[in-house]
């Protein structure tokens, strides 16, 4: 999805006030470091099938480590979120009052994404493998704006008229 370039500004010019909650990057460093350690342990085993599998997983992990570019996706502060472009030289500040809805989408073919829907009906998708970390941070800050929470609130407004046939009726 094409980024709206005119709303981004130079990273050094953005006002940063308040407490930073979490930084969301693209690559899951902990996950692939654990994968590298497990694959090295598999390579040290005496079973040739496990050694072959360990070499394969080690090759994939090293590919991710050296050839997949890691970049900062967003910084979540207590009153706003900073969204970075792919080059990390431009940033966009979005106050939480501008956000009407947010959710974390799980990708079937690629990375997961964080979706923010703004007041002016603009939708921002940012790919990352750290949607769990973003979900926890956004759920602490603005739980009422989560897509599922909004759907649940709408469902609670429409009461189903269901009479329980096993309940004793008072006369």
N, C-alpha and C. Protein backbone atom coordinates (compact mmCIF):
# COMPACT_ATOMS: atom_id res chain seq x y z
N UNK A 1 0.85 -1.16 0.00
CA UNK A 1 0.00 0.00 0.00
C UNK A 1 0.90 1.24 0.00
N UNK A 2 0.57 2.19 -0.78
CA UNK A 2 1.37 3.40 -0.94
C UNK A 2 1.23 4.29 0.29
N UNK A 3 2.33 4.77 0.78
CA UNK A 3 2.31 5.65 1.94
C UNK A 3 1.99 7.07 1.50
N UNK A 4 1.26 7.78 2.32
CA UNK A 4 0.90 9.16 2.05
C UNK A 4 2.09 10.04 2.42
N UNK A 5 2.89 10.42 1.44
CA UNK A 5 4.19 11.07 1.67
C UNK A 5 4.08 12.45 2.31
N UNK A 6 3.02 13.21 1.99
CA UNK A 6 2.97 14.58 2.49
C UNK A 6 2.71 14.67 3.99
N UNK A 7 2.25 13.60 4.60
CA UNK A 7 2.00 13.62 6.04
C UNK A 7 3.22 13.19 6.85
N UNK A 8 4.27 12.78 6.18
CA UNK A 8 5.50 12.39 6.85
C UNK A 8 6.44 13.58 6.92
N UNK A 9 7.25 13.61 7.96
CA UNK A 9 8.24 14.66 8.11
C UNK A 9 9.57 14.05 8.54
N UNK A 10 10.60 14.85 8.48
CA UNK A 10 11.93 14.38 8.82
C UNK A 10 11.94 13.87 10.26
N UNK A 11 12.62 12.76 10.49
CA UNK A 11 12.61 12.14 11.82
C UNK A 11 13.18 13.06 12.90
N UNK A 12 14.16 13.85 12.56
CA UNK A 12 14.80 14.72 13.55
C UNK A 12 13.93 15.91 13.94
N UNK A 13 12.92 16.23 13.13
CA UNK A 13 12.06 17.38 13.40
C UNK A 13 10.81 17.04 14.21
N UNK A 14 10.56 15.77 14.45
CA UNK A 14 9.33 15.35 15.13
C UNK A 14 9.46 15.58 16.63
N UNK A 15 8.44 16.18 17.20
CA UNK A 15 8.41 16.43 18.64
C UNK A 15 8.13 15.11 19.36
N UNK A 16 9.03 14.76 20.28
CA UNK A 16 8.87 13.55 21.07
C UNK A 16 8.71 13.96 22.53
N UNK A 17 7.48 13.86 23.00
CA UNK A 17 7.21 14.14 24.41
C UNK A 17 6.44 12.95 24.98
N UNK A 18 6.46 12.82 26.26
CA UNK A 18 5.77 11.70 26.88
C UNK A 18 6.69 10.50 27.05
N UNK A 19 6.12 9.44 27.55
CA UNK A 19 6.84 8.22 27.86
C UNK A 19 6.69 7.22 26.72
N UNK A 20 7.82 6.67 26.24
CA UNK A 20 7.75 5.63 25.21
C UNK A 20 7.32 4.32 25.86
N UNK A 21 6.34 3.67 25.25
CA UNK A 21 5.84 2.40 25.76
C UNK A 21 6.63 1.25 25.15
N UNK A 22 6.74 1.22 23.81
CA UNK A 22 7.43 0.12 23.14
C UNK A 22 7.84 0.55 21.74
N UNK A 23 8.90 -0.06 21.23
CA UNK A 23 9.33 0.11 19.85
C UNK A 23 9.04 -1.18 19.10
N UNK A 24 8.43 -1.06 17.93
CA UNK A 24 8.09 -2.21 17.11
C UNK A 24 9.01 -2.22 15.90
N UNK A 25 9.78 -3.29 15.74
CA UNK A 25 10.64 -3.48 14.58
C UNK A 25 10.01 -4.50 13.65
N UNK A 26 10.62 -4.68 12.48
CA UNK A 26 10.08 -5.61 11.49
C UNK A 26 10.44 -7.07 11.82
N UNK A 27 11.72 -7.33 12.09
CA UNK A 27 12.17 -8.71 12.30
C UNK A 27 12.08 -9.12 13.77
N UNK A 28 11.70 -10.38 14.01
CA UNK A 28 11.69 -10.89 15.39
C UNK A 28 13.06 -11.44 15.78
N UNK A 29 13.91 -10.60 16.34
CA UNK A 29 15.29 -10.98 16.64
C UNK A 29 15.38 -12.17 17.59
N UNK A 30 14.56 -12.18 18.62
CA UNK A 30 14.61 -13.27 19.59
C UNK A 30 14.25 -14.60 18.94
N UNK A 31 13.25 -14.60 18.07
CA UNK A 31 12.80 -15.85 17.45
C UNK A 31 13.88 -16.45 16.56
N UNK A 32 14.52 -15.63 15.74
CA UNK A 32 15.51 -16.26 14.86
C UNK A 32 16.82 -16.55 15.57
N UNK A 33 17.13 -15.89 16.66
CA UNK A 33 18.32 -16.25 17.44
C UNK A 33 18.09 -17.59 18.14
N UNK A 34 16.89 -17.82 18.66
CA UNK A 34 16.58 -19.12 19.26
C UNK A 34 16.62 -20.21 18.19
N UNK A 35 16.13 -19.90 17.00
CA UNK A 35 16.16 -20.86 15.90
C UNK A 35 17.59 -21.22 15.53
N UNK A 36 18.48 -20.23 15.53
CA UNK A 36 19.89 -20.50 15.24
C UNK A 36 20.49 -21.41 16.30
N UNK A 37 20.20 -21.14 17.58
CA UNK A 37 20.73 -21.98 18.66
C UNK A 37 20.21 -23.42 18.57
N UNK A 38 18.91 -23.58 18.27
CA UNK A 38 18.34 -24.92 18.16
C UNK A 38 18.93 -25.65 16.95
N UNK A 39 19.11 -24.94 15.84
CA UNK A 39 19.66 -25.60 14.65
C UNK A 39 21.12 -26.00 14.87
N UNK A 40 21.88 -25.20 15.61
CA UNK A 40 23.26 -25.60 15.94
C UNK A 40 23.24 -26.84 16.84
N UNK A 41 22.31 -26.88 17.78
CA UNK A 41 22.20 -28.07 18.64
C UNK A 41 21.82 -29.29 17.82
N UNK A 42 20.96 -29.13 16.82
CA UNK A 42 20.61 -30.25 15.95
C UNK A 42 21.81 -30.70 15.13
N UNK A 43 22.64 -29.76 14.70
CA UNK A 43 23.83 -30.12 13.93
C UNK A 43 24.83 -30.91 14.76
N UNK A 44 24.81 -30.76 16.06
CA UNK A 44 25.73 -31.47 16.94
C UNK A 44 25.22 -32.85 17.35
N UNK A 45 24.01 -33.20 16.89
CA UNK A 45 23.47 -34.51 17.26
C UNK A 45 24.13 -35.60 16.41
N UNK A 46 23.89 -36.86 16.77
CA UNK A 46 24.53 -37.98 16.08
C UNK A 46 23.63 -38.60 15.01
N UNK A 47 22.41 -38.14 14.90
CA UNK A 47 21.48 -38.64 13.89
C UNK A 47 21.63 -37.80 12.62
N UNK A 48 21.91 -38.45 11.48
CA UNK A 48 22.19 -37.70 10.25
C UNK A 48 20.97 -36.96 9.74
N UNK A 49 19.76 -37.43 10.03
CA UNK A 49 18.54 -36.73 9.61
C UNK A 49 18.40 -35.42 10.40
N UNK A 50 18.67 -35.48 11.70
CA UNK A 50 18.62 -34.26 12.51
C UNK A 50 19.72 -33.28 12.10
N UNK A 51 20.89 -33.79 11.76
CA UNK A 51 21.99 -32.93 11.31
C UNK A 51 21.60 -32.24 10.00
N UNK A 52 21.01 -32.97 9.06
CA UNK A 52 20.58 -32.39 7.78
C UNK A 52 19.50 -31.33 8.01
N UNK A 53 18.55 -31.65 8.89
CA UNK A 53 17.51 -30.68 9.21
C UNK A 53 18.09 -29.45 9.90
N UNK A 54 19.05 -29.64 10.81
CA UNK A 54 19.71 -28.53 11.49
C UNK A 54 20.47 -27.64 10.52
N UNK A 55 21.16 -28.23 9.54
CA UNK A 55 21.88 -27.44 8.54
C UNK A 55 20.90 -26.62 7.70
N UNK A 56 19.78 -27.24 7.32
CA UNK A 56 18.76 -26.54 6.53
C UNK A 56 18.19 -25.35 7.30
N UNK A 57 17.81 -25.58 8.56
CA UNK A 57 17.23 -24.51 9.39
C UNK A 57 18.28 -23.44 9.67
N UNK A 58 19.53 -23.83 9.88
CA UNK A 58 20.61 -22.87 10.10
C UNK A 58 20.82 -22.00 8.87
N UNK A 59 20.75 -22.58 7.69
CA UNK A 59 20.90 -21.81 6.45
C UNK A 59 19.76 -20.80 6.30
N UNK A 60 18.53 -21.23 6.59
CA UNK A 60 17.40 -20.30 6.52
C UNK A 60 17.53 -19.17 7.55
N UNK A 61 17.94 -19.51 8.75
CA UNK A 61 18.08 -18.51 9.81
C UNK A 61 19.18 -17.51 9.47
N UNK A 62 20.28 -17.99 8.94
CA UNK A 62 21.36 -17.07 8.54
C UNK A 62 20.94 -16.18 7.37
N UNK A 63 20.13 -16.73 6.46
CA UNK A 63 19.60 -15.91 5.38
C UNK A 63 18.77 -14.76 5.94
N UNK A 64 17.88 -15.06 6.89
CA UNK A 64 17.06 -14.02 7.51
C UNK A 64 17.95 -13.03 8.26
N UNK A 65 18.94 -13.52 8.96
CA UNK A 65 19.81 -12.67 9.75
C UNK A 65 20.58 -11.68 8.88
N UNK A 66 21.09 -12.12 7.74
CA UNK A 66 21.97 -11.28 6.94
C UNK A 66 21.29 -10.59 5.76
N UNK A 67 20.21 -11.14 5.22
CA UNK A 67 19.67 -10.60 3.99
C UNK A 67 18.29 -9.94 4.11
N UNK A 68 17.56 -10.19 5.16
CA UNK A 68 16.28 -9.52 5.35
C UNK A 68 16.53 -8.25 6.15
N UNK A 69 16.14 -7.13 5.57
CA UNK A 69 16.40 -5.83 6.20
C UNK A 69 15.48 -5.62 7.40
N UNK A 70 16.07 -5.27 8.52
CA UNK A 70 15.28 -4.92 9.70
C UNK A 70 15.14 -3.41 9.73
N UNK A 71 13.97 -2.94 10.00
CA UNK A 71 13.74 -1.51 10.12
C UNK A 71 12.70 -1.25 11.20
N UNK A 72 12.74 -0.04 11.72
CA UNK A 72 11.80 0.35 12.76
C UNK A 72 10.44 0.60 12.10
N UNK A 73 9.40 0.02 12.64
CA UNK A 73 8.05 0.17 12.09
C UNK A 73 7.31 1.30 12.80
N UNK A 74 7.35 1.28 14.14
CA UNK A 74 6.66 2.32 14.89
C UNK A 74 7.18 2.39 16.32
N UNK A 75 7.05 3.56 16.90
CA UNK A 75 7.30 3.79 18.32
C UNK A 75 5.96 4.14 18.94
N UNK A 76 5.58 3.40 19.96
CA UNK A 76 4.31 3.65 20.64
C UNK A 76 4.60 4.40 21.93
N UNK A 77 4.06 5.61 22.02
CA UNK A 77 4.18 6.44 23.21
C UNK A 77 2.84 6.42 23.95
N UNK A 78 2.79 7.07 25.11
CA UNK A 78 1.57 7.02 25.90
C UNK A 78 0.43 7.87 25.33
N UNK A 79 0.70 8.88 24.47
CA UNK A 79 -0.36 9.71 23.90
C UNK A 79 -0.39 9.72 22.38
N UNK A 80 0.56 9.10 21.74
CA UNK A 80 0.64 9.10 20.28
C UNK A 80 1.50 7.94 19.81
N UNK A 81 1.49 7.71 18.50
CA UNK A 81 2.32 6.68 17.88
C UNK A 81 3.09 7.33 16.74
N UNK A 82 4.35 6.94 16.61
CA UNK A 82 5.18 7.41 15.50
C UNK A 82 5.29 6.28 14.49
N UNK A 83 4.87 6.54 13.26
CA UNK A 83 4.92 5.55 12.18
C UNK A 83 6.09 5.91 11.27
N UNK A 84 6.99 4.97 11.04
CA UNK A 84 8.17 5.21 10.21
C UNK A 84 7.93 4.72 8.79
N UNK A 85 8.59 5.36 7.81
CA UNK A 85 8.57 4.84 6.45
C UNK A 85 9.61 3.74 6.34
N UNK A 86 9.73 3.13 5.17
CA UNK A 86 10.63 1.98 5.03
C UNK A 86 12.10 2.34 5.17
N UNK A 87 12.47 3.57 4.86
CA UNK A 87 13.87 3.98 4.96
C UNK A 87 14.24 4.51 6.34
N UNK A 88 13.26 4.65 7.23
CA UNK A 88 13.44 5.17 8.59
C UNK A 88 14.00 6.58 8.63
N UNK A 89 13.82 7.36 7.58
CA UNK A 89 14.27 8.75 7.61
C UNK A 89 13.10 9.71 7.76
N UNK A 90 11.90 9.24 7.49
CA UNK A 90 10.69 10.06 7.62
C UNK A 90 9.77 9.38 8.62
N UNK A 91 9.02 10.19 9.35
CA UNK A 91 8.15 9.66 10.40
C UNK A 91 6.85 10.46 10.42
N UNK A 92 5.80 9.81 10.86
CA UNK A 92 4.49 10.45 10.97
C UNK A 92 3.99 10.28 12.38
N UNK A 93 3.55 11.37 12.98
CA UNK A 93 3.02 11.35 14.35
C UNK A 93 1.50 11.30 14.28
N UNK A 94 0.93 10.31 14.96
CA UNK A 94 -0.53 10.17 14.99
C UNK A 94 -0.96 10.14 16.45
N UNK A 95 -1.75 11.13 16.85
CA UNK A 95 -2.29 11.16 18.21
C UNK A 95 -3.42 10.13 18.31
N UNK A 96 -3.65 9.62 19.50
CA UNK A 96 -4.65 8.58 19.67
C UNK A 96 -6.08 9.09 19.48
N UNK A 97 -6.28 10.42 19.57
CA UNK A 97 -7.61 10.98 19.30
C UNK A 97 -7.96 10.84 17.81
N UNK A 98 -6.94 10.75 16.94
CA UNK A 98 -7.16 10.60 15.51
C UNK A 98 -7.50 9.16 15.11
N UNK A 99 -7.22 8.21 15.98
CA UNK A 99 -7.45 6.80 15.67
C UNK A 99 -8.88 6.44 16.07
N UNK A 100 -9.63 5.89 15.10
CA UNK A 100 -10.99 5.43 15.42
C UNK A 100 -11.04 3.93 15.67
N UNK A 101 -10.11 3.20 15.06
CA UNK A 101 -10.12 1.75 15.19
C UNK A 101 -8.71 1.21 14.91
N UNK A 102 -8.36 0.12 15.59
CA UNK A 102 -7.07 -0.54 15.34
C UNK A 102 -7.25 -2.04 15.47
N UNK A 103 -6.39 -2.77 14.77
CA UNK A 103 -6.40 -4.21 14.89
C UNK A 103 -5.06 -4.76 14.40
N UNK A 104 -4.80 -5.99 14.72
CA UNK A 104 -3.61 -6.70 14.24
C UNK A 104 -4.09 -7.80 13.32
N UNK A 105 -3.67 -7.72 12.06
CA UNK A 105 -4.07 -8.69 11.04
C UNK A 105 -2.99 -9.74 10.90
N UNK A 106 -3.40 -10.99 10.84
CA UNK A 106 -2.45 -12.08 10.66
C UNK A 106 -2.40 -12.45 9.19
N UNK A 107 -1.21 -12.34 8.60
CA UNK A 107 -1.04 -12.60 7.18
C UNK A 107 -0.94 -14.08 6.88
N UNK A 108 -1.59 -14.50 5.79
CA UNK A 108 -1.51 -15.89 5.39
C UNK A 108 -0.23 -16.18 4.61
N UNK A 109 0.26 -15.19 3.84
CA UNK A 109 1.42 -15.44 2.99
C UNK A 109 2.66 -14.68 3.44
N UNK A 110 2.50 -13.57 4.09
CA UNK A 110 3.65 -12.76 4.48
C UNK A 110 3.61 -12.41 5.94
N UNK A 111 4.12 -11.24 6.23
CA UNK A 111 4.18 -10.77 7.60
C UNK A 111 2.78 -10.40 8.10
N UNK A 112 2.65 -10.36 9.40
CA UNK A 112 1.43 -9.84 9.99
C UNK A 112 1.45 -8.33 9.84
N UNK A 113 0.32 -7.69 10.11
CA UNK A 113 0.24 -6.24 9.94
C UNK A 113 -0.54 -5.62 11.08
N UNK A 114 -0.19 -4.38 11.36
CA UNK A 114 -0.92 -3.56 12.32
C UNK A 114 -1.73 -2.58 11.50
N UNK A 115 -3.03 -2.52 11.75
CA UNK A 115 -3.92 -1.65 10.99
C UNK A 115 -4.46 -0.56 11.90
N UNK A 116 -4.31 0.68 11.46
CA UNK A 116 -4.87 1.82 12.16
C UNK A 116 -5.84 2.53 11.22
N UNK A 117 -7.08 2.74 11.67
CA UNK A 117 -8.06 3.49 10.89
C UNK A 117 -8.22 4.84 11.57
N UNK A 118 -8.05 5.91 10.78
CA UNK A 118 -8.05 7.26 11.32
C UNK A 118 -9.40 7.93 11.13
N UNK A 119 -9.55 9.10 11.75
CA UNK A 119 -10.80 9.86 11.72
C UNK A 119 -11.18 10.23 10.28
N UNK A 120 -10.20 10.57 9.46
CA UNK A 120 -10.48 10.96 8.08
C UNK A 120 -10.63 9.76 7.14
N UNK A 121 -10.92 8.58 7.70
CA UNK A 121 -11.14 7.33 6.96
C UNK A 121 -9.89 6.78 6.29
N UNK A 122 -8.71 7.32 6.61
CA UNK A 122 -7.46 6.78 6.09
C UNK A 122 -7.11 5.52 6.89
N UNK A 123 -6.64 4.51 6.18
CA UNK A 123 -6.25 3.25 6.81
C UNK A 123 -4.76 3.06 6.58
N UNK A 124 -4.03 2.79 7.67
CA UNK A 124 -2.59 2.60 7.62
C UNK A 124 -2.29 1.15 7.99
N UNK A 125 -1.60 0.45 7.09
CA UNK A 125 -1.12 -0.91 7.34
C UNK A 125 0.39 -0.87 7.46
N UNK A 126 0.92 -1.45 8.51
CA UNK A 126 2.36 -1.57 8.68
C UNK A 126 2.69 -3.03 8.95
N UNK A 127 3.49 -3.61 8.04
CA UNK A 127 3.89 -5.01 8.18
C UNK A 127 4.94 -5.17 9.28
N UNK A 128 4.78 -6.19 10.09
CA UNK A 128 5.74 -6.52 11.13
C UNK A 128 5.48 -7.95 11.61
N UNK A 129 6.47 -8.54 12.21
CA UNK A 129 6.30 -9.84 12.83
C UNK A 129 6.09 -9.70 14.35
N UNK A 130 5.93 -8.48 14.84
CA UNK A 130 5.75 -8.21 16.27
C UNK A 130 4.33 -7.72 16.56
N UNK A 131 3.32 -8.34 15.98
CA UNK A 131 1.96 -7.88 16.23
C UNK A 131 1.52 -8.15 17.66
N UNK A 132 2.07 -9.17 18.29
CA UNK A 132 1.71 -9.46 19.68
C UNK A 132 2.15 -8.34 20.61
N UNK A 133 3.35 -7.85 20.39
CA UNK A 133 3.86 -6.75 21.21
C UNK A 133 3.03 -5.48 20.98
N UNK A 134 2.68 -5.21 19.73
CA UNK A 134 1.86 -4.04 19.41
C UNK A 134 0.46 -4.19 19.99
N UNK A 135 -0.10 -5.39 19.91
CA UNK A 135 -1.43 -5.64 20.45
C UNK A 135 -1.48 -5.36 21.95
N UNK A 136 -0.51 -5.85 22.67
CA UNK A 136 -0.49 -5.63 24.12
C UNK A 136 -0.36 -4.14 24.45
N UNK A 137 0.47 -3.43 23.71
CA UNK A 137 0.66 -2.00 23.98
C UNK A 137 -0.61 -1.21 23.65
N UNK A 138 -1.19 -1.44 22.48
CA UNK A 138 -2.41 -0.72 22.10
C UNK A 138 -3.58 -1.10 22.99
N UNK A 139 -3.63 -2.34 23.43
CA UNK A 139 -4.73 -2.78 24.29
C UNK A 139 -4.67 -2.12 25.67
N UNK A 140 -3.48 -1.77 26.14
CA UNK A 140 -3.37 -1.03 27.40
C UNK A 140 -3.76 0.43 27.22
N UNK A 141 -3.41 1.00 26.07
CA UNK A 141 -3.60 2.43 25.85
C UNK A 141 -5.03 2.74 25.40
N UNK A 142 -5.53 2.03 24.40
CA UNK A 142 -6.87 2.32 23.88
C UNK A 142 -7.63 1.02 23.58
N UNK A 143 -8.04 0.30 24.63
CA UNK A 143 -8.72 -0.98 24.42
C UNK A 143 -10.11 -0.83 23.78
N UNK A 144 -10.77 0.30 23.99
CA UNK A 144 -12.11 0.48 23.45
C UNK A 144 -12.13 0.70 21.94
N UNK A 145 -10.97 0.98 21.34
CA UNK A 145 -10.90 1.23 19.90
C UNK A 145 -10.46 0.01 19.11
N UNK A 146 -10.23 -1.12 19.77
CA UNK A 146 -9.88 -2.33 19.06
C UNK A 146 -11.08 -2.81 18.25
N UNK A 147 -10.84 -3.36 17.06
CA UNK A 147 -11.92 -3.78 16.18
C UNK A 147 -12.85 -4.78 16.85
N UNK A 148 -12.28 -5.79 17.50
CA UNK A 148 -13.10 -6.81 18.14
C UNK A 148 -13.89 -6.23 19.31
N UNK A 149 -13.31 -5.33 20.08
CA UNK A 149 -14.03 -4.71 21.19
C UNK A 149 -15.19 -3.86 20.67
N UNK A 150 -14.99 -3.18 19.55
CA UNK A 150 -16.07 -2.39 18.96
C UNK A 150 -17.19 -3.29 18.46
N UNK A 151 -16.84 -4.44 17.86
CA UNK A 151 -17.86 -5.38 17.39
C UNK A 151 -18.63 -5.95 18.57
N UNK A 152 -17.92 -6.26 19.66
CA UNK A 152 -18.59 -6.79 20.84
C UNK A 152 -19.53 -5.76 21.47
N UNK A 153 -19.12 -4.49 21.46
CA UNK A 153 -19.98 -3.43 22.00
C UNK A 153 -21.23 -3.26 21.16
N UNK A 154 -21.09 -3.36 19.84
CA UNK A 154 -22.24 -3.27 18.96
C UNK A 154 -23.17 -4.46 19.17
N UNK A 155 -22.60 -5.64 19.36
CA UNK A 155 -23.41 -6.84 19.59
C UNK A 155 -24.15 -6.75 20.91
N UNK A 156 -23.55 -6.14 21.91
CA UNK A 156 -24.19 -6.03 23.22
C UNK A 156 -25.39 -5.11 23.17
N UNK A 157 -25.39 -4.16 22.23
CA UNK A 157 -26.53 -3.24 22.12
C UNK A 157 -27.77 -3.93 21.57
N UNK A 158 -27.59 -4.92 20.75
CA UNK A 158 -28.73 -5.62 20.16
C UNK A 158 -29.01 -6.88 20.98
N UNK A 159 -29.96 -6.78 21.85
CA UNK A 159 -30.34 -7.91 22.71
C UNK A 159 -31.23 -8.86 21.93
N UNK A 160 -30.90 -10.13 22.02
CA UNK A 160 -31.73 -11.14 21.38
C UNK A 160 -32.95 -11.42 22.25
N UNK A 161 -34.08 -11.54 21.61
CA UNK A 161 -35.32 -11.88 22.32
C UNK A 161 -35.45 -13.39 22.31
N UNK A 162 -35.06 -14.01 23.39
CA UNK A 162 -35.09 -15.46 23.48
C UNK A 162 -35.74 -15.82 24.80
N UNK A 163 -36.82 -16.54 24.70
CA UNK A 163 -37.47 -16.99 25.93
C UNK A 163 -36.99 -18.40 26.25
N UNK A 164 -36.59 -18.59 27.46
CA UNK A 164 -36.08 -19.87 27.90
C UNK A 164 -37.26 -20.81 28.15
N UNK A 165 -37.40 -21.90 27.39
CA UNK A 165 -38.55 -22.78 27.60
C UNK A 165 -38.48 -23.58 28.90
N UNK A 166 -37.31 -23.64 29.54
CA UNK A 166 -37.17 -24.40 30.77
C UNK A 166 -37.32 -23.55 32.02
N UNK A 167 -37.42 -22.26 31.84
CA UNK A 167 -37.56 -21.37 32.98
C UNK A 167 -39.03 -21.37 33.44
N UNK A 168 -39.22 -21.42 34.74
CA UNK A 168 -40.58 -21.39 35.27
C UNK A 168 -41.13 -19.98 35.12
N UNK A 169 -42.32 -19.92 34.65
CA UNK A 169 -42.97 -18.62 34.45
C UNK A 169 -43.71 -18.24 35.72
N UNK A 170 -43.57 -17.01 36.07
CA UNK A 170 -44.32 -16.53 37.25
C UNK A 170 -45.70 -16.10 36.79
N UNK A 171 -46.68 -16.41 37.60
CA UNK A 171 -48.06 -16.11 37.25
C UNK A 171 -48.56 -14.91 37.98
